[in-house]
Amino acid sequence: MTVEAPRPVVPIADATPGEIVRVHGTIGYIVVEPGDAPPALTATVADDTGEIDAVFMGRRAIAGIEPGRAVTIQGRVAHDDGRAHIFNPWYELNGNGA
């Protein structure tokens, strides 16, 4: 099995649809799907250049994923309704604040 080297962190504004990127920012807010919908938790991550949504399918809570927390995420960028998303990203919690 080949292990890929970590990608360099890029500004969120440079997260191109279809590309795998690694971005760093602060979680601004969390949206959790209601109990009658399929489980999903969306954390909006922002840096000085923009916002991207980290969407965790099948989850309603993740320890440490909370507003104000600095986080690095990596995954393939998708765009929907003008917003950038990374579904089920690799993530690393980086302390409180960016």
PDB file of N, CA and C in Angstrom:
ATOM      1  N   MET A   1       0.835  -1.169   0.000  1.00  0.00           N
ATOM      2  CA  MET A   1       0.000   0.000   0.000  1.00  0.00           C
ATOM      3  C   MET A   1       0.885   1.240   0.000  1.00  0.00           C
ATOM      4  N   THR A   2       0.543   2.213  -0.833  1.00  0.00           N
ATOM      5  CA  THR A   2       1.295   3.450  -0.923  1.00  0.00           C
ATOM      6  C   THR A   2       0.686   4.487   0.011  1.00  0.00           C
ATOM      7  N   VAL A   3       1.531   5.134   0.797  1.00  0.00           N
ATOM      8  CA  VAL A   3       1.069   6.183   1.691  1.00  0.00           C
ATOM      9  C   VAL A   3       1.403   7.521   1.044  1.00  0.00           C
ATOM     10  N   GLU A   4       0.379   8.358   0.882  1.00  0.00           N
ATOM     11  CA  GLU A   4       0.562   9.655   0.249  1.00  0.00           C
ATOM     12  C   GLU A   4       1.088  10.662   1.264  1.00  0.00           C
ATOM     13  N   ALA A   5       2.044  11.479   0.853  1.00  0.00           N
ATOM     14  CA  ALA A   5       2.563  12.538   1.719  1.00  0.00           C
ATOM     15  C   ALA A   5       1.462  13.564   1.943  1.00  0.00           C
ATOM     16  N   PRO A   6       1.453  14.211   3.120  1.00  0.00           N
ATOM     17  CA  PRO A   6       0.436  15.245   3.358  1.00  0.00           C
ATOM     18  C   PRO A   6       0.525  16.347   2.308  1.00  0.00           C
ATOM     19  N   ARG A   7      -0.608  16.825   1.885  1.00  0.00           N
ATOM     20  CA  ARG A   7      -0.658  17.926   0.930  1.00  0.00           C
ATOM     21  C   ARG A   7      -0.371  19.233   1.658  1.00  0.00           C
ATOM     22  N   PRO A   8       0.144  20.221   0.950  1.00  0.00           N
ATOM     23  CA  PRO A   8       0.345  21.522   1.593  1.00  0.00           C
ATOM     24  C   PRO A   8      -1.013  22.188   1.847  1.00  0.00           C
ATOM     25  N   VAL A   9      -1.085  22.982   2.883  1.00  0.00           N
ATOM     26  CA  VAL A   9      -2.303  23.724   3.199  1.00  0.00           C
ATOM     27  C   VAL A   9      -2.442  24.869   2.194  1.00  0.00           C
ATOM     28  N   VAL A  10      -3.654  25.035   1.655  1.00  0.00           N
ATOM     29  CA  VAL A  10      -3.933  26.126   0.723  1.00  0.00           C
ATOM     30  C   VAL A  10      -5.031  27.005   1.308  1.00  0.00           C
ATOM     31  N   PRO A  11      -5.118  28.268   0.869  1.00  0.00           N
ATOM     32  CA  PRO A  11      -6.230  29.111   1.304  1.00  0.00           C
ATOM     33  C   PRO A  11      -7.555  28.512   0.819  1.00  0.00           C
ATOM     34  N   ILE A  12      -8.600  28.667   1.609  1.00  0.00           N
ATOM     35  CA  ILE A  12      -9.903  28.116   1.234  1.00  0.00           C
ATOM     36  C   ILE A  12     -10.361  28.670  -0.113  1.00  0.00           C
ATOM     37  N   ALA A  13     -10.073  29.923  -0.409  1.00  0.00           N
ATOM     38  CA  ALA A  13     -10.462  30.518  -1.695  1.00  0.00           C
ATOM     39  C   ALA A  13      -9.835  29.784  -2.872  1.00  0.00           C
ATOM     40  N   ASP A  14      -8.731  29.063  -2.668  1.00  0.00           N
ATOM     41  CA  ASP A  14      -8.055  28.329  -3.732  1.00  0.00           C
ATOM     42  C   ASP A  14      -8.512  26.867  -3.831  1.00  0.00           C
ATOM     43  N   ALA A  15      -9.539  26.491  -3.062  1.00  0.00           N
ATOM     44  CA  ALA A  15     -10.053  25.117  -3.086  1.00  0.00           C
ATOM     45  C   ALA A  15     -10.871  24.923  -4.363  1.00  0.00           C
ATOM     46  N   THR A  16     -10.267  24.282  -5.347  1.00  0.00           N
ATOM     47  CA  THR A  16     -10.856  24.107  -6.670  1.00  0.00           C
ATOM     48  C   THR A  16     -11.752  22.870  -6.706  1.00  0.00           C
ATOM     49  N   PRO A  17     -12.974  23.004  -7.244  1.00  0.00           N
ATOM     50  CA  PRO A  17     -13.864  21.844  -7.349  1.00  0.00           C
ATOM     51  C   PRO A  17     -13.198  20.677  -8.083  1.00  0.00           C
ATOM     52  N   GLY A  18     -13.364  19.490  -7.539  1.00  0.00           N
ATOM     53  CA  GLY A  18     -12.805  18.282  -8.136  1.00  0.00           C
ATOM     54  C   GLY A  18     -11.406  17.940  -7.664  1.00  0.00           C
ATOM     55  N   GLU A  19     -10.725  18.884  -7.049  1.00  0.00           N
ATOM     56  CA  GLU A  19      -9.365  18.661  -6.566  1.00  0.00           C
ATOM     57  C   GLU A  19      -9.366  18.217  -5.100  1.00  0.00           C
ATOM     58  N   ILE A  20      -8.343  17.475  -4.714  1.00  0.00           N
ATOM     59  CA  ILE A  20      -8.145  17.133  -3.301  1.00  0.00           C
ATOM     60  C   ILE A  20      -7.287  18.234  -2.705  1.00  0.00           C
ATOM     61  N   VAL A  21      -7.791  18.851  -1.638  1.00  0.00           N
ATOM     62  CA  VAL A  21      -7.078  19.958  -1.011  1.00  0.00           C
ATOM     63  C   VAL A  21      -6.991  19.746   0.494  1.00  0.00           C
ATOM     64  N   ARG A  22      -6.076  20.481   1.085  1.00  0.00           N
ATOM     65  CA  ARG A  22      -5.927  20.517   2.542  1.00  0.00           C
ATOM     66  C   ARG A  22      -6.028  21.979   2.939  1.00  0.00           C
ATOM     67  N   VAL A  23      -6.986  22.307   3.817  1.00  0.00           N
ATOM     68  CA  VAL A  23      -7.203  23.688   4.244  1.00  0.00           C
ATOM     69  C   VAL A  23      -7.226  23.748   5.767  1.00  0.00           C
ATOM     70  N   HIS A  24      -6.955  24.941   6.279  1.00  0.00           N
ATOM     71  CA  HIS A  24      -6.943  25.157   7.725  1.00  0.00           C
ATOM     72  C   HIS A  24      -7.806  26.375   8.033  1.00  0.00           C
ATOM     73  N   GLY A  25      -8.593  26.283   9.086  1.00  0.00           N
ATOM     74  CA  GLY A  25      -9.412  27.414   9.494  1.00  0.00           C
ATOM     75  C   GLY A  25     -10.057  27.152  10.837  1.00  0.00           C
ATOM     76  N   THR A  26     -11.032  27.990  11.145  1.00  0.00           N
ATOM     77  CA  THR A  26     -11.759  27.899  12.409  1.00  0.00           C
ATOM     78  C   THR A  26     -13.203  27.533  12.119  1.00  0.00           C
ATOM     79  N   ILE A  27     -13.746  26.625  12.912  1.00  0.00           N
ATOM     80  CA  ILE A  27     -15.141  26.233  12.756  1.00  0.00           C
ATOM     81  C   ILE A  27     -16.015  27.389  13.234  1.00  0.00           C
ATOM     82  N   GLY A  28     -16.876  27.870  12.332  1.00  0.00           N
ATOM     83  CA  GLY A  28     -17.761  28.976  12.665  1.00  0.00           C
ATOM     84  C   GLY A  28     -19.071  28.494  13.259  1.00  0.00           C
ATOM     85  N   TYR A  29     -19.675  27.522  12.617  1.00  0.00           N
ATOM     86  CA  TYR A  29     -20.925  26.972  13.136  1.00  0.00           C
ATOM     87  C   TYR A  29     -21.107  25.539  12.664  1.00  0.00           C
ATOM     88  N   ILE A  30     -22.028  24.854  13.344  1.00  0.00           N
ATOM     89  CA  ILE A  30     -22.322  23.445  13.087  1.00  0.00           C
ATOM     90  C   ILE A  30     -23.811  23.328  12.762  1.00  0.00           C
ATOM     91  N   VAL A  31     -24.146  22.496  11.783  1.00  0.00           N
ATOM     92  CA  VAL A  31     -25.538  22.164  11.486  1.00  0.00           C
ATOM     93  C   VAL A  31     -25.663  20.653  11.582  1.00  0.00           C
ATOM     94  N   VAL A  32     -26.640  20.186  12.360  1.00  0.00           N
ATOM     95  CA  VAL A  32     -26.887  18.752  12.518  1.00  0.00           C
ATOM     96  C   VAL A  32     -28.267  18.457  11.954  1.00  0.00           C
ATOM     97  N   GLU A  33     -28.350  17.452  11.093  1.00  0.00           N
ATOM     98  CA  GLU A  33     -29.641  17.082  10.517  1.00  0.00           C
ATOM     99  C   GLU A  33     -30.574  16.590  11.621  1.00  0.00           C
ATOM    100  N   PRO A  34     -31.861  16.914  11.526  1.00  0.00           N
ATOM    101  CA  PRO A  34     -32.810  16.465  12.554  1.00  0.00           C
ATOM    102  C   PRO A  34     -32.955  14.948  12.573  1.00  0.00           C
ATOM    103  N   GLY A  35     -33.521  14.451  13.649  1.00  0.00           N
ATOM    104  CA  GLY A  35     -33.626  13.007  13.881  1.00  0.00           C
ATOM    105  C   GLY A  35     -34.361  12.227  12.819  1.00  0.00           C
ATOM    106  N   ASP A  36     -35.275  12.858  12.067  1.00  0.00           N
ATOM    107  CA  ASP A  36     -36.022  12.119  11.052  1.00  0.00           C
ATOM    108  C   ASP A  36     -35.314  12.100   9.695  1.00  0.00           C
ATOM    109  N   ALA A  37     -34.173  12.763   9.582  1.00  0.00           N
ATOM    110  CA  ALA A  37     -33.382  12.779   8.342  1.00  0.00           C
ATOM    111  C   ALA A  37     -32.172  11.860   8.500  1.00  0.00           C
ATOM    112  N   PRO A  38     -31.563  11.448   7.385  1.00  0.00           N
ATOM    113  CA  PRO A  38     -30.326  10.660   7.501  1.00  0.00           C
ATOM    114  C   PRO A  38     -29.284  11.468   8.283  1.00  0.00           C
ATOM    115  N   PRO A  39     -28.511  10.811   9.152  1.00  0.00           N
ATOM    116  CA  PRO A  39     -27.540  11.539   9.974  1.00  0.00           C
ATOM    117  C   PRO A  39     -26.473  12.233   9.139  1.00  0.00           C
ATOM    118  N   ALA A  40     -26.227  13.498   9.472  1.00  0.00           N
ATOM    119  CA  ALA A  40     -25.152  14.267   8.854  1.00  0.00           C
ATOM    120  C   ALA A  40     -24.852  15.464   9.742  1.00  0.00           C
ATOM    121  N   LEU A  41     -23.566  15.774   9.862  1.00  0.00           N
ATOM    122  CA  LEU A  41     -23.099  16.930  10.622  1.00  0.00           C
ATOM    123  C   LEU A  41     -22.284  17.782   9.662  1.00  0.00           C
ATOM    124  N   THR A  42     -22.621  19.064   9.579  1.00  0.00           N
ATOM    125  CA  THR A  42     -21.885  19.980   8.709  1.00  0.00           C
ATOM    126  C   THR A  42     -21.215  21.034   9.565  1.00  0.00           C
ATOM    127  N   ALA A  43     -19.899  21.152   9.432  1.00  0.00           N
ATOM    128  CA  ALA A  43     -19.121  22.171  10.140  1.00  0.00           C
ATOM    129  C   ALA A  43     -18.593  23.148   9.105  1.00  0.00           C
ATOM    130  N   THR A  44     -18.928  24.423   9.254  1.00  0.00           N
ATOM    131  CA  THR A  44     -18.421  25.441   8.343  1.00  0.00           C
ATOM    132  C   THR A  44     -17.068  25.917   8.848  1.00  0.00           C
ATOM    133  N   VAL A  45     -16.054  25.751   7.997  1.00  0.00           N
ATOM    134  CA  VAL A  45     -14.671  26.111   8.337  1.00  0.00           C
ATOM    135  C   VAL A  45     -14.311  27.366   7.539  1.00  0.00           C
ATOM    136  N   ALA A  46     -13.748  28.365   8.222  1.00  0.00           N
ATOM    137  CA  ALA A  46     -13.411  29.625   7.564  1.00  0.00           C
ATOM    138  C   ALA A  46     -11.964  30.014   7.845  1.00  0.00           C
ATOM    139  N   ASP A  47     -11.359  30.662   6.829  1.00  0.00           N
ATOM    140  CA  ASP A  47     -10.072  31.323   7.022  1.00  0.00           C
ATOM    141  C   ASP A  47     -10.245  32.754   6.522  1.00  0.00           C
ATOM    142  N   ASP A  48      -9.176  33.479   6.358  1.00  0.00           N
ATOM    143  CA  ASP A  48      -9.274  34.874   5.921  1.00  0.00           C
ATOM    144  C   ASP A  48      -9.751  35.021   4.480  1.00  0.00           C
ATOM    145  N   THR A  49      -9.801  33.912   3.724  1.00  0.00           N
ATOM    146  CA  THR A  49     -10.134  34.002   2.305  1.00  0.00           C
ATOM    147  C   THR A  49     -11.523  33.485   1.961  1.00  0.00           C
ATOM    148  N   GLY A  50     -12.166  32.719   2.854  1.00  0.00           N
ATOM    149  CA  GLY A  50     -13.476  32.172   2.533  1.00  0.00           C
ATOM    150  C   GLY A  50     -13.915  31.097   3.498  1.00  0.00           C
ATOM    151  N   GLU A  51     -14.963  30.378   3.078  1.00  0.00           N
ATOM    152  CA  GLU A  51     -15.554  29.305   3.883  1.00  0.00           C
ATOM    153  C   GLU A  51     -15.684  28.042   3.050  1.00  0.00           C
ATOM    154  N   ILE A  52     -15.653  26.898   3.749  1.00  0.00           N
ATOM    155  CA  ILE A  52     -15.908  25.600   3.127  1.00  0.00           C
ATOM    156  C   ILE A  52     -16.631  24.750   4.161  1.00  0.00           C
ATOM    157  N   ASP A  53     -17.554  23.908   3.702  1.00  0.00           N
ATOM    158  CA  ASP A  53     -18.300  23.037   4.604  1.00  0.00           C
ATOM    159  C   ASP A  53     -17.657  21.655   4.657  1.00  0.00           C
ATOM    160  N   ALA A  54     -17.386  21.200   5.876  1.00  0.00           N
ATOM    161  CA  ALA A  54     -16.943  19.820   6.101  1.00  0.00           C
ATOM    162  C   ALA A  54     -18.195  19.031   6.471  1.00  0.00           C
ATOM    163  N   VAL A  55     -18.602  18.111   5.598  1.00  0.00           N
ATOM    164  CA  VAL A  55     -19.846  17.368   5.793  1.00  0.00           C
ATOM    165  C   VAL A  55     -19.501  15.937   6.189  1.00  0.00           C
ATOM    166  N   PHE A  56     -19.894  15.569   7.395  1.00  0.00           N
ATOM    167  CA  PHE A  56     -19.635  14.230   7.922  1.00  0.00           C
ATOM    168  C   PHE A  56     -20.932  13.429   7.829  1.00  0.00           C
ATOM    169  N   MET A  57     -21.027  12.582   6.811  1.00  0.00           N
ATOM    170  CA  MET A  57     -22.224  11.766   6.614  1.00  0.00           C
ATOM    171  C   MET A  57     -22.249  10.645   7.651  1.00  0.00           C
ATOM    172  N   GLY A  58     -23.454  10.328   8.126  1.00  0.00           N
ATOM    173  CA  GLY A  58     -23.609   9.241   9.077  1.00  0.00           C
ATOM    174  C   GLY A  58     -23.281   9.626  10.512  1.00  0.00           C
ATOM    175  N   ARG A  59     -23.078  10.909  10.784  1.00  0.00           N
ATOM    176  CA  ARG A  59     -22.713  11.362  12.132  1.00  0.00           C
ATOM    177  C   ARG A  59     -23.621  12.504  12.550  1.00  0.00           C
ATOM    178  N   ARG A  60     -23.950  12.571  13.818  1.00  0.00           N
ATOM    179  CA  ARG A  60     -24.676  13.713  14.366  1.00  0.00           C
ATOM    180  C   ARG A  60     -23.827  14.448  15.401  1.00  0.00           C
ATOM    181  N   ALA A  61     -22.709  13.853  15.788  1.00  0.00           N
ATOM    182  CA  ALA A  61     -21.795  14.487  16.740  1.00  0.00           C
ATOM    183  C   ALA A  61     -20.404  13.896  16.537  1.00  0.00           C
ATOM    184  N   ILE A  62     -19.391  14.751  16.713  1.00  0.00           N
ATOM    185  CA  ILE A  62     -17.998  14.314  16.673  1.00  0.00           C
ATOM    186  C   ILE A  62     -17.283  15.070  17.782  1.00  0.00           C
ATOM    187  N   ALA A  63     -16.657  14.353  18.685  1.00  0.00           N
ATOM    188  CA  ALA A  63     -15.942  14.987  19.797  1.00  0.00           C
ATOM    189  C   ALA A  63     -14.912  15.975  19.255  1.00  0.00           C
ATOM    190  N   GLY A  64     -14.930  17.202  19.770  1.00  0.00           N
ATOM    191  CA  GLY A  64     -13.965  18.216  19.380  1.00  0.00           C
ATOM    192  C   GLY A  64     -14.373  19.076  18.203  1.00  0.00           C
ATOM    193  N   ILE A  65     -15.337  18.622  17.414  1.00  0.00           N
ATOM    194  CA  ILE A  65     -15.838  19.447  16.305  1.00  0.00           C
ATOM    195  C   ILE A  65     -16.885  20.381  16.902  1.00  0.00           C
ATOM    196  N   GLU A  66     -16.451  21.625  17.143  1.00  0.00           N
ATOM    197  CA  GLU A  66     -17.321  22.597  17.810  1.00  0.00           C
ATOM    198  C   GLU A  66     -16.926  24.014  17.377  1.00  0.00           C
ATOM    199  N   PRO A  67     -17.861  24.966  17.433  1.00  0.00           N
ATOM    200  CA  PRO A  67     -17.553  26.337  17.033  1.00  0.00           C
ATOM    201  C   PRO A  67     -16.355  26.904  17.794  1.00  0.00           C
ATOM    202  N   GLY A  68     -15.515  27.641  17.059  1.00  0.00           N
ATOM    203  CA  GLY A  68     -14.330  28.263  17.638  1.00  0.00           C
ATOM    204  C   GLY A  68     -13.092  27.400  17.595  1.00  0.00           C
ATOM    205  N   ARG A  69     -13.239  26.134  17.237  1.00  0.00           N
ATOM    206  CA  ARG A  69     -12.117  25.202  17.210  1.00  0.00           C
ATOM    207  C   ARG A  69     -11.355  25.317  15.901  1.00  0.00           C
ATOM    208  N   ALA A  70     -10.036  25.391  15.965  1.00  0.00           N
ATOM    209  CA  ALA A  70      -9.198  25.383  14.772  1.00  0.00           C
ATOM    210  C   ALA A  70      -9.086  23.949  14.270  1.00  0.00           C
ATOM    211  N   VAL A  71      -9.162  23.786  12.954  1.00  0.00           N
ATOM    212  CA  VAL A  71      -9.161  22.456  12.369  1.00  0.00           C
ATOM    213  C   VAL A  71      -8.483  22.508  10.999  1.00  0.00           C
ATOM    214  N   THR A  72      -7.834  21.415  10.646  1.00  0.00           N
ATOM    215  CA  THR A  72      -7.307  21.220   9.300  1.00  0.00           C
ATOM    216  C   THR A  72      -8.099  20.078   8.693  1.00  0.00           C
ATOM    217  N   ILE A  73      -8.608  20.286   7.473  1.00  0.00           N
ATOM    218  CA  ILE A  73      -9.362  19.223   6.796  1.00  0.00           C
ATOM    219  C   ILE A  73      -8.754  18.968   5.425  1.00  0.00           C
ATOM    220  N   GLN A  74      -8.948  17.742   4.938  1.00  0.00           N
ATOM    221  CA  GLN A  74      -8.451  17.373   3.619  1.00  0.00           C
ATOM    222  C   GLN A  74      -9.454  16.470   2.940  1.00  0.00           C
ATOM    223  N   GLY A  75      -9.667  16.709   1.664  1.00  0.00           N
ATOM    224  CA  GLY A  75     -10.557  15.862   0.886  1.00  0.00           C
ATOM    225  C   GLY A  75     -10.835  16.487  -0.466  1.00  0.00           C
ATOM    226  N   ARG A  76     -11.718  15.837  -1.236  1.00  0.00           N
ATOM    227  CA  ARG A  76     -12.068  16.319  -2.578  1.00  0.00           C
ATOM    228  C   ARG A  76     -13.159  17.376  -2.471  1.00  0.00           C
ATOM    229  N   VAL A  77     -12.943  18.498  -3.141  1.00  0.00           N
ATOM    230  CA  VAL A  77     -13.870  19.626  -3.087  1.00  0.00           C
ATOM    231  C   VAL A  77     -15.021  19.412  -4.061  1.00  0.00           C
ATOM    232  N   ALA A  78     -16.241  19.638  -3.563  1.00  0.00           N
ATOM    233  CA  ALA A  78     -17.441  19.627  -4.399  1.00  0.00           C
ATOM    234  C   ALA A  78     -18.122  20.986  -4.228  1.00  0.00           C
ATOM    235  N   HIS A  79     -18.866  21.407  -5.238  1.00  0.00           N
ATOM    236  CA  HIS A  79     -19.630  22.654  -5.151  1.00  0.00           C
ATOM    237  C   HIS A  79     -21.088  22.325  -5.348  1.00  0.00           C
ATOM    238  N   ASP A  80     -21.948  22.937  -4.528  1.00  0.00           N
ATOM    239  CA  ASP A  80     -23.386  22.755  -4.623  1.00  0.00           C
ATOM    240  C   ASP A  80     -24.030  24.074  -4.218  1.00  0.00           C
ATOM    241  N   ASP A  81     -24.870  24.609  -5.053  1.00  0.00           N
ATOM    242  CA  ASP A  81     -25.548  25.874  -4.772  1.00  0.00           C
ATOM    243  C   ASP A  81     -24.570  26.984  -4.398  1.00  0.00           C
ATOM    244  N   GLY A  82     -23.415  27.008  -5.069  1.00  0.00           N
ATOM    245  CA  GLY A  82     -22.443  28.067  -4.850  1.00  0.00           C
ATOM    246  C   GLY A  82     -21.579  27.917  -3.614  1.00  0.00           C
ATOM    247  N   ARG A  83     -21.719  26.826  -2.869  1.00  0.00           N
ATOM    248  CA  ARG A  83     -20.903  26.592  -1.666  1.00  0.00           C
ATOM    249  C   ARG A  83     -19.954  25.436  -1.905  1.00  0.00           C
ATOM    250  N   ALA A  84     -18.763  25.551  -1.324  1.00  0.00           N
ATOM    251  CA  ALA A  84     -17.775  24.474  -1.411  1.00  0.00           C
ATOM    252  C   ALA A  84     -17.986  23.508  -0.250  1.00  0.00           C
ATOM    253  N   HIS A  85     -17.848  22.232  -0.522  1.00  0.00           N
ATOM    254  CA  HIS A  85     -18.013  21.171   0.476  1.00  0.00           C
ATOM    255  C   HIS A  85     -16.878  20.169   0.341  1.00  0.00           C
ATOM    256  N   ILE A  86     -16.525  19.541   1.444  1.00  0.00           N
ATOM    257  CA  ILE A  86     -15.707  18.332   1.429  1.00  0.00           C
ATOM    258  C   ILE A  86     -16.485  17.305   2.231  1.00  0.00           C
ATOM    259  N   PHE A  87     -16.852  16.206   1.584  1.00  0.00           N
ATOM    260  CA  PHE A  87     -17.625  15.163   2.250  1.00  0.00           C
ATOM    261  C   PHE A  87     -16.696  14.174   2.937  1.00  0.00           C
ATOM    262  N   ASN A  88     -17.012  13.858   4.184  1.00  0.00           N
ATOM    263  CA  ASN A  88     -16.259  12.919   5.012  1.00  0.00           C
ATOM    264  C   ASN A  88     -14.752  13.174   4.946  1.00  0.00           C
ATOM    265  N   PRO A  89     -14.334  14.397   5.291  1.00  0.00           N
ATOM    266  CA  PRO A  89     -12.912  14.739   5.176  1.00  0.00           C
ATOM    267  C   PRO A  89     -12.062  14.071   6.244  1.00  0.00           C
ATOM    268  N   TRP A  90     -10.776  13.938   5.925  1.00  0.00           N
ATOM    269  CA  TRP A  90      -9.779  13.662   6.953  1.00  0.00           C
ATOM    270  C   TRP A  90      -9.700  14.964   7.746  1.00  0.00           C
ATOM    271  N   TYR A  91      -9.579  14.891   9.052  1.00  0.00           N
ATOM    272  CA  TYR A  91      -9.492  16.115   9.837  1.00  0.00           C
ATOM    273  C   TYR A  91      -8.509  15.971  10.981  1.00  0.00           C
ATOM    274  N   GLU A  92      -7.985  17.125  11.396  1.00  0.00           N
ATOM    275  CA  GLU A  92      -7.084  17.193  12.530  1.00  0.00           C
ATOM    276  C   GLU A  92      -7.479  18.412  13.357  1.00  0.00           C
ATOM    277  N   LEU A  93      -7.753  18.186  14.641  1.00  0.00           N
ATOM    278  CA  LEU A  93      -8.098  19.288  15.544  1.00  0.00           C
ATOM    279  C   LEU A  93      -6.811  19.988  15.941  1.00  0.00           C
ATOM    280  N   ASN A  94      -6.822  21.330  15.895  1.00  0.00           N
ATOM    281  CA  ASN A  94      -5.596  22.093  16.121  1.00  0.00           C
ATOM    282  C   ASN A  94      -5.670  23.030  17.306  1.00  0.00           C
ATOM    283  N   GLY A  95      -6.478  22.765  18.288  1.00  0.00           N
ATOM    284  CA  GLY A  95      -6.568  23.651  19.450  1.00  0.00           C
ATOM    285  C   GLY A  95      -7.754  24.571  19.333  1.00  0.00           C
ATOM    286  N   ASN A  96      -7.793  25.588  20.157  1.00  0.00           N
ATOM    287  CA  ASN A  96      -8.912  26.538  20.156  1.00  0.00           C
ATOM    288  C   ASN A  96      -8.512  27.786  19.411  1.00  0.00           C
ATOM    289  N   GLY A  97      -9.261  28.117  18.359  1.00  0.00           N
ATOM    290  CA  GLY A  97      -8.986  29.294  17.551  1.00  0.00           C
ATOM    291  C   GLY A  97      -7.922  29.014  16.506  1.00  0.00           C
ATOM    292  N   ALA A  98      -7.856  29.880  15.509  1.00  0.00           N
ATOM    293  CA  ALA A  98      -6.922  29.668  14.390  1.00  0.00           C
ATOM    294  C   ALA A  98      -5.511  30.123  14.722  1.00  0.00           C
TER     295      ALA A  98
END
